[in-house]
């Protein structure tokens, strides 16, 4: 099992135990690119079939909020 698969498995099994750094790695694996940072928020962007998707990640809160984990899982399941 690759590191990517292990992180995604952890995302599914322990949604309240994901650190911002792990969430950032998952976003990069999904094809998101870091755009900028405003304060403690990192902004990521990816373009799929001419449509852009934006994801904002709060870096100073550990663990990552549950609604952000749910959004990540929706993106993963949509692929």
Protein backbone atom coordinates (compact mmCIF):
# COMPACT_ATOMS: atom_id res chain seq x y z
CA UNK A 1 0.00 0.00 0.00
CA UNK A 2 1.44 3.37 -1.03
CA UNK A 3 1.73 6.43 1.23
CA UNK A 4 -1.13 8.03 -0.68
CA UNK A 5 -3.38 5.05 -0.06
CA UNK A 6 -2.44 4.99 3.63
CA UNK A 7 -3.29 8.68 4.02
CA UNK A 8 -6.64 8.22 2.28
CA UNK A 9 -7.37 5.18 4.46
CA UNK A 10 -6.56 7.24 7.57
CA UNK A 11 -8.83 10.00 6.26
CA UNK A 12 -11.70 7.51 6.08
CA UNK A 13 -11.01 5.67 9.36
CA UNK A 14 -9.95 8.59 11.60
CA UNK A 15 -11.53 11.74 10.18
CA UNK A 16 -10.95 13.62 13.44
CA UNK A 17 -7.23 12.77 13.52
CA UNK A 18 -5.96 14.36 10.29
CA UNK A 19 -3.28 17.03 10.62
CA UNK A 20 -3.17 20.02 8.26
CA UNK A 21 0.12 18.74 6.82
CA UNK A 22 -1.48 15.38 5.95
CA UNK A 23 -4.45 17.14 4.36
CA UNK A 24 -2.03 19.25 2.31
CA UNK A 25 -0.26 16.10 1.06
CA UNK A 26 -3.60 14.61 0.00
CA UNK A 27 -4.51 17.79 -1.88
CA UNK A 28 -1.20 17.69 -3.75
CA UNK A 29 -1.76 14.00 -4.59
CA UNK A 30 -5.18 14.96 -6.00
CA UNK A 31 -3.60 17.48 -8.36
CA UNK A 32 -4.20 20.69 -6.44
CA UNK A 33 -1.51 23.36 -6.62
CA UNK A 34 -0.63 25.74 -3.84
CA UNK A 35 -1.59 29.28 -4.91
CA UNK A 36 -1.08 31.58 -1.95
CA UNK A 37 -1.42 31.94 1.77
CA UNK A 38 -3.36 34.63 3.60
CA UNK A 39 -2.69 34.48 7.31
CA UNK A 40 -3.19 30.89 8.41
CA UNK A 41 -5.24 29.89 5.33
CA UNK A 42 -3.54 28.13 2.43
CA UNK A 43 -5.35 28.30 -0.89
CA UNK A 44 -5.13 25.44 -3.39
CA UNK A 45 -6.43 25.33 -6.96
CA UNK A 46 -6.85 22.65 -9.61
CA UNK A 47 -8.35 22.77 -13.08
CA UNK A 48 -10.31 19.73 -14.31
CA UNK A 49 -11.94 19.74 -17.75
CA UNK A 50 -11.84 23.52 -17.93
CA UNK A 51 -13.44 24.00 -14.50
CA UNK A 52 -11.43 25.20 -11.56
CA UNK A 53 -11.78 23.85 -8.05
CA UNK A 54 -10.58 25.79 -5.03
CA UNK A 55 -9.82 24.40 -1.60
CA UNK A 56 -8.95 26.53 1.43
CA UNK A 57 -7.11 24.82 4.27
CA UNK A 58 -6.71 26.27 7.76
CA UNK A 59 -3.16 25.44 8.82
CA UNK A 60 -3.07 26.44 12.49
CA UNK A 61 -5.84 24.12 13.70
CA UNK A 62 -4.94 20.56 14.43
CA UNK A 63 -6.79 18.35 13.72
CA UNK A 64 -8.48 19.54 10.55
CA UNK A 65 -12.16 20.40 10.95
CA UNK A 66 -14.60 17.62 10.08
CA UNK A 67 -16.34 19.55 7.27
CA UNK A 68 -13.00 19.94 5.47
CA UNK A 69 -12.35 16.21 5.79
CA UNK A 70 -15.81 15.54 4.34
CA UNK A 71 -15.02 17.88 1.43
CA UNK A 72 -11.77 16.02 0.78
CA UNK A 73 -13.60 12.69 0.78
CA UNK A 74 -16.16 14.05 -1.71
CA UNK A 75 -13.33 15.07 -4.04
CA UNK A 76 -11.67 11.65 -3.69
CA UNK A 77 -14.93 9.77 -4.30
CA UNK A 78 -15.72 11.98 -7.30
CA UNK A 79 -12.63 10.80 -9.15
